[in-house]
């Protein structure tokens, strides 16, 4: 399973139980918001001032180690 920055937040939170925790730890605390569900990871990172490439890399590392 590989995460990419064009994936929707709604898709990501359903992929693995660790993903919501990783997103919240990065500063995305509005995962349950209906508008957040339809945002891409890249859009959400831009809104929250998060480097998307770094986050995607870290998330993929964690998931690959599972």
Protein backbone atom coordinates (compact mmCIF):
# COMPACT_ATOMS: atom_id res chain seq x y z
CA UNK A 1 0.00 0.00 0.00
CA UNK A 2 1.51 3.32 -1.11
CA UNK A 3 0.23 6.76 -0.21
CA UNK A 4 0.40 9.61 -2.70
CA UNK A 5 -0.34 13.29 -2.23
CA UNK A 6 -3.27 13.22 -4.67
CA UNK A 7 -5.23 10.73 -2.51
CA UNK A 8 -8.28 12.03 -0.69
CA UNK A 9 -8.25 12.34 3.09
CA UNK A 10 -11.42 10.23 3.19
CA UNK A 11 -9.60 7.42 1.34
CA UNK A 12 -6.54 7.66 3.54
CA UNK A 13 -8.30 7.38 6.89
CA UNK A 14 -9.94 4.16 5.72
CA UNK A 15 -6.71 2.55 4.47
CA UNK A 16 -5.11 1.82 7.83
CA UNK A 17 -5.86 2.59 11.47
CA UNK A 18 -2.48 4.34 11.85
CA UNK A 19 -3.16 6.97 9.19
CA UNK A 20 -5.57 9.16 11.20
CA UNK A 21 -3.05 9.19 14.06
CA UNK A 22 -0.24 10.18 11.70
CA UNK A 23 -2.31 12.96 10.14
CA UNK A 24 -3.35 14.31 13.52
CA UNK A 25 0.25 14.19 14.77
CA UNK A 26 1.23 16.25 11.73
CA UNK A 27 -1.32 18.92 12.71
CA UNK A 28 -4.47 17.91 10.84
CA UNK A 29 -7.09 17.84 13.58
CA UNK A 30 -10.16 18.22 11.36
CA UNK A 31 -10.28 14.72 9.86
CA UNK A 32 -13.97 14.29 10.66
CA UNK A 33 -14.99 17.49 8.90
CA UNK A 34 -17.05 16.70 5.78
CA UNK A 35 -15.04 19.11 3.64
CA UNK A 36 -11.76 17.54 4.80
CA UNK A 37 -12.92 14.13 3.58
CA UNK A 38 -13.01 15.40 -0.03
CA UNK A 39 -9.65 17.21 0.10
CA UNK A 40 -6.52 15.70 -1.32
CA UNK A 41 -3.62 15.17 1.04
CA UNK A 42 -1.73 17.84 -0.88
CA UNK A 43 -4.57 20.36 -0.43
CA UNK A 44 -4.84 19.59 3.27
CA UNK A 45 -1.08 19.98 3.73
CA UNK A 46 -1.16 23.32 1.95
CA UNK A 47 -3.95 24.61 4.22
CA UNK A 48 -2.09 23.46 7.34
CA UNK A 49 1.39 24.60 6.25
CA UNK A 50 2.78 21.05 6.16
CA UNK A 51 5.42 19.83 3.71
CA UNK A 52 3.40 17.22 1.81
CA UNK A 53 6.35 15.35 0.32
CA UNK A 54 7.88 14.88 3.77
CA UNK A 55 4.58 13.69 5.25
CA UNK A 56 3.94 11.24 2.40
CA UNK A 57 7.47 9.87 2.76
CA UNK A 58 7.13 9.40 6.53
CA UNK A 59 3.70 7.79 6.21
CA UNK A 60 4.90 5.37 3.54
CA UNK A 61 7.91 4.43 5.69
CA UNK A 62 5.66 3.64 8.65
CA UNK A 63 3.22 1.62 6.57
CA UNK A 64 6.03 -0.29 4.82
CA UNK A 65 7.40 -1.36 8.20
CA UNK A 66 4.09 -2.94 9.21
